[in-house]
Amino acid sequence: MQDSQKKQITDIVNAFRLINKDIRESFKIMCDELESRKDFEPWKKDERGVKKAKKDYWDPEGFFYGSDNWYYLNCYGMLNKKVLGFTFVISINYDNKEDIEYSDFINQLDNSINKNTPMLCVYGIYEPIDIKKIKLTDEAGFQYVDGILRFSGACEYKNYEKEKIKYDEWIDMEVDYQDGNKIKNDYDGWYKRAKVKIKHITNISSKEEAHRIIDELIKCKI
């Protein structure tokens, strides 16, 4: 291997190290801001056996070692009987032949980003269908909150207009979770309404910006 190639490889590895450090620092700042707010009750890992909150959805070691393409970070909890929090969508297992809805979503949001590593912060508030049966992940580990935006799974919406998705704009949607007077199958742990915003992680680089985001999230009403 030539010296120029060696330098290029080491530069790439070092850049990855620094970027990951920045991601973790931004995530920690936002977690600290949210968890310091009065009346917010953070979820702990595997609480009630179904909620995974402050820890990763998927262990990032798999991402680093090349055995897995999923790298999510998240922080969620309860405030006034609503689910509140944010997800860092760093890397996903994107399949350009199958993930048509996700591809359309990203193209609408920002067609300049890489679909495999979107680097998105999705923060919002979610109104549960049943406060006693709230789930963050299903049995397979897929996220209900990400499903709201068609990151995974699918559900029916009353007022979701995908063509209006933009950075830093509230996306307000209601889920069509009832069949007559009954809750549809598998919807009992879901959310009847959600209100979220999307921001690129690289734009969260200061404590002041993290504070502004969390303050906006706490004040958001649905």
Protein backbone atom coordinates (compact mmCIF):
# COMPACT_ATOMS: atom_id res chain seq x y z
CA MET A 1 0.00 0.00 0.00
CA GLN A 2 1.36 3.42 -0.96
CA ASP A 3 1.94 6.15 1.62
CA SER A 4 -0.76 8.33 0.07
CA GLN A 5 -3.29 5.49 0.41
CA LYS A 6 -2.29 4.89 4.02
CA LYS A 7 -2.76 8.57 4.82
CA GLN A 8 -6.17 8.62 3.12
CA ILE A 9 -7.32 5.63 5.19
CA THR A 10 -6.08 7.10 8.47
CA ASP A 11 -7.72 10.44 7.65
CA ILE A 12 -11.06 8.69 7.04
CA VAL A 13 -10.82 6.73 10.31
CA ASN A 14 -9.92 9.86 12.24
CA ALA A 15 -12.80 11.81 10.66
CA PHE A 16 -15.20 9.04 11.67
CA ARG A 17 -13.85 9.11 15.24
CA LEU A 18 -14.37 12.87 15.50
CA ILE A 19 -17.85 12.78 13.94
CA ASN A 20 -18.99 10.02 16.28
CA LYS A 21 -17.64 12.00 19.24
CA ASP A 22 -19.66 15.03 18.10
CA ILE A 23 -22.81 12.90 17.72
CA ARG A 24 -22.45 11.50 21.23
CA GLU A 25 -21.81 14.92 22.72
CA SER A 26 -24.87 16.43 21.01
CA PHE A 27 -26.98 13.49 22.16
CA LYS A 28 -25.77 13.82 25.76
CA ILE A 29 -26.45 17.56 25.81
CA MET A 30 -30.02 17.02 24.65
CA CYS A 31 -30.57 14.15 27.11
CA ASP A 32 -29.29 16.26 30.00
CA GLU A 33 -31.48 19.17 28.96
CA LEU A 34 -34.62 17.04 28.71
CA GLU A 35 -34.06 15.03 31.88
CA SER A 36 -33.43 18.17 33.93
CA ARG A 37 -36.91 19.53 33.17
CA LYS A 38 -39.48 19.49 35.93
CA ASP A 39 -42.15 16.75 35.74
CA PHE A 40 -40.40 14.87 32.92
CA GLU A 41 -40.08 11.17 33.79
CA PRO A 42 -37.35 9.52 31.70
CA TRP A 43 -37.76 5.90 30.67
CA LYS A 44 -35.01 3.54 31.67
CA LYS A 45 -33.74 0.67 29.54
CA ASP A 46 -36.23 -2.21 29.26
CA GLU A 47 -38.71 -0.62 31.68
CA ARG A 48 -41.83 -2.80 31.82
CA GLY A 49 -40.06 -5.13 29.44
CA VAL A 50 -41.09 -3.19 26.34
CA LYS A 51 -39.64 0.31 26.56
CA LYS A 52 -36.03 1.03 25.70
CA ALA A 53 -35.36 4.65 26.38
CA LYS A 54 -32.03 6.23 27.08
CA LYS A 55 -29.92 3.40 25.64
CA ASP A 56 -29.50 2.56 21.98
CA TYR A 57 -32.19 0.81 19.97
CA TRP A 58 -29.34 -1.19 18.48
CA ASP A 59 -25.92 -1.50 20.00
CA PRO A 60 -23.63 0.71 17.88
CA GLU A 61 -20.80 -1.80 18.27
CA GLY A 62 -22.37 -3.77 15.43
CA PHE A 63 -22.16 -0.67 13.27
CA PHE A 64 -18.51 -0.07 14.17
CA TYR A 65 -17.49 -3.68 13.56
CA GLY A 66 -19.36 -3.93 10.26
CA SER A 67 -21.79 -6.64 11.39
CA ASP A 68 -24.88 -4.41 11.46
CA ASN A 69 -26.04 -1.25 9.69
CA TRP A 70 -28.39 0.04 12.39
CA TYR A 71 -27.21 2.86 14.62
CA TYR A 72 -29.95 4.67 16.55
CA LEU A 73 -29.78 6.70 19.77
CA ASN A 74 -32.86 7.77 21.67
CA CYS A 75 -34.18 9.42 24.81
CA TYR A 76 -37.88 9.22 25.75
CA GLY A 77 -40.08 9.63 28.78
CA MET A 78 -43.46 10.82 30.02
CA LEU A 79 -44.83 14.31 30.55
CA ASN A 80 -48.50 15.00 31.33
CA LYS A 81 -49.50 11.49 30.11
CA LYS A 82 -47.78 12.05 26.77
CA VAL A 83 -44.64 10.38 25.39
CA LEU A 84 -41.93 12.98 24.82
CA GLY A 85 -38.43 12.70 23.43
CA PHE A 86 -36.15 12.34 20.45
CA THR A 87 -34.33 9.85 18.24
CA PHE A 88 -30.98 10.23 16.51
CA VAL A 89 -31.31 8.26 13.26
CA ILE A 90 -27.62 7.88 12.41
CA SER A 91 -27.50 4.82 10.19
CA ILE A 92 -30.16 2.43 8.90
CA ASN A 93 -30.23 -0.80 6.95
CA TYR A 94 -31.55 0.74 3.75
CA ASP A 95 -32.54 -1.43 0.81
CA ASN A 96 -33.19 0.65 -2.32
CA LYS A 97 -35.32 -2.14 -3.81
CA GLU A 98 -37.67 -2.58 -0.86
CA ASP A 99 -37.73 0.61 1.21
CA ILE A 100 -39.76 2.67 -1.23
CA GLU A 101 -41.67 4.65 1.41
CA TYR A 102 -38.49 5.51 3.30
CA SER A 103 -36.78 6.52 0.07
CA ASP A 104 -39.67 8.81 -0.88
CA PHE A 105 -39.64 10.30 2.59
CA ILE A 106 -35.93 11.14 2.47
CA ASN A 107 -36.15 12.49 -1.08
CA GLN A 108 -38.94 14.82 0.02
CA LEU A 109 -37.05 15.93 3.11
CA ASP A 110 -33.57 16.32 1.63
CA ASN A 111 -32.40 14.52 -1.52
CA SER A 112 -28.79 15.56 -0.87
CA ILE A 113 -28.29 13.25 2.14
CA ASN A 114 -27.22 9.63 2.09
CA LYS A 115 -30.19 7.31 2.76
CA ASN A 116 -27.92 4.83 4.57
CA THR A 117 -26.64 7.45 7.00
CA PRO A 118 -29.30 10.18 7.18
CA MET A 119 -28.00 11.74 10.44
CA LEU A 120 -31.44 12.98 11.49
CA CYS A 121 -32.75 14.09 14.85
CA VAL A 122 -36.50 13.43 15.09
CA TYR A 123 -38.03 15.02 18.18
CA GLY A 124 -41.65 15.16 19.18
CA ILE A 125 -44.61 14.41 21.39
CA TYR A 126 -46.90 11.38 21.08
CA GLU A 127 -50.37 10.83 22.50
CA PRO A 128 -50.88 7.17 23.48
CA ILE A 129 -53.98 5.21 22.53
CA ASP A 130 -53.86 3.45 25.91
CA ILE A 131 -51.70 5.00 28.62
CA LYS A 132 -51.33 1.60 30.31
CA LYS A 133 -50.08 -0.22 27.20
CA ILE A 134 -47.52 2.17 25.76
CA LYS A 135 -44.76 0.56 23.70
CA LEU A 136 -41.69 2.08 22.15
CA THR A 137 -40.60 -1.06 20.31
CA ASP A 138 -42.42 -4.14 19.09
CA GLU A 139 -41.27 -7.69 19.75
CA ALA A 140 -38.89 -7.59 16.81
CA GLY A 141 -37.27 -4.38 18.09
CA PHE A 142 -38.72 -2.03 15.47
CA GLN A 143 -39.74 1.39 16.73
CA TYR A 144 -43.32 2.54 16.92
CA VAL A 145 -42.28 6.20 17.02
CA ASP A 146 -40.23 5.79 13.83
CA GLY A 147 -43.14 3.98 12.23
CA ILE A 148 -45.11 7.19 12.64
CA LEU A 149 -42.89 8.65 9.91
CA ARG A 150 -42.75 5.43 7.90
CA PHE A 151 -39.16 4.75 8.95
CA SER A 152 -40.38 1.24 9.71
CA GLY A 153 -43.69 -0.60 9.58
CA ALA A 154 -46.84 1.10 8.34
CA CYS A 155 -50.06 2.54 9.69
CA GLU A 156 -52.96 4.61 8.42
CA TYR A 157 -53.15 8.38 8.82
CA LYS A 158 -55.95 10.91 8.77
CA ASN A 159 -53.98 14.04 7.98
CA TYR A 160 -50.40 13.06 7.10
CA GLU A 161 -49.17 14.98 4.04
CA LYS A 162 -45.77 13.60 3.13
CA GLU A 163 -45.24 16.18 0.40
CA LYS A 164 -45.14 18.92 3.06
CA ILE A 165 -42.26 17.38 5.04
CA LYS A 166 -39.47 19.90 5.66
CA TYR A 167 -36.66 20.44 8.13
CA ASP A 168 -37.64 22.48 11.21
CA GLU A 169 -41.38 22.30 10.45
CA TRP A 170 -43.89 20.62 12.76
CA ILE A 171 -45.44 17.52 11.23
CA ASP A 172 -48.84 16.95 12.84
CA MET A 173 -50.65 13.68 12.19
CA GLU A 174 -53.43 11.51 13.53
CA VAL A 175 -53.52 7.74 13.29
CA ASP A 176 -56.63 5.95 12.09
CA TYR A 177 -56.43 3.35 14.86
CA GLN A 178 -60.12 2.42 15.26
CA ASP A 179 -62.33 -0.02 13.41
CA GLY A 180 -65.75 1.18 14.44
CA ASN A 181 -65.58 1.42 18.23
CA LYS A 182 -62.76 -1.10 18.53
CA ILE A 183 -59.02 -0.60 18.42
CA LYS A 184 -57.48 -2.30 15.39
CA ASN A 185 -55.23 -5.30 15.91
CA ASP A 186 -51.74 -4.46 17.20
CA TYR A 187 -52.59 -0.79 17.72
CA ASP A 188 -53.12 -0.91 21.49
CA GLY A 189 -49.51 0.09 22.22
CA TRP A 190 -49.48 2.71 19.45
CA TYR A 191 -50.17 6.45 19.41
CA LYS A 192 -53.34 8.20 18.30
CA ARG A 193 -51.59 11.45 17.46
CA ALA A 194 -48.04 12.68 16.99
CA LYS A 195 -46.35 16.00 16.42
CA VAL A 196 -42.69 15.94 15.40
CA LYS A 197 -39.88 18.01 13.92
CA ILE A 198 -36.79 16.90 12.04
CA LYS A 199 -33.36 18.48 12.26
CA HIS A 200 -30.01 17.42 10.87
CA ILE A 201 -27.74 16.26 13.69
CA THR A 202 -24.84 18.37 12.44
CA ASN A 203 -26.92 21.47 13.20
CA ILE A 204 -27.03 20.59 16.91
CA SER A 205 -23.57 21.67 17.95
CA SER A 206 -24.06 23.84 21.02
CA LYS A 207 -25.72 23.69 24.42
CA GLU A 208 -27.77 26.74 23.45
CA GLU A 209 -29.24 24.98 20.40
CA ALA A 210 -29.97 21.84 22.43
CA HIS A 211 -31.67 23.96 25.08
CA ARG A 212 -33.79 25.70 22.44
CA ILE A 213 -34.91 22.38 20.92
CA ILE A 214 -35.84 20.83 24.27
CA ASP A 215 -37.59 24.01 25.40
CA GLU A 216 -39.64 23.97 22.19
CA LEU A 217 -40.42 20.29 22.71
CA ILE A 218 -41.59 20.81 26.31
CA LYS A 219 -43.88 23.64 25.21
CA CYS A 220 -45.37 21.70 22.29
CA LYS A 221 -49.05 20.78 22.72
CA ILE A 222 -51.25 18.19 21.06
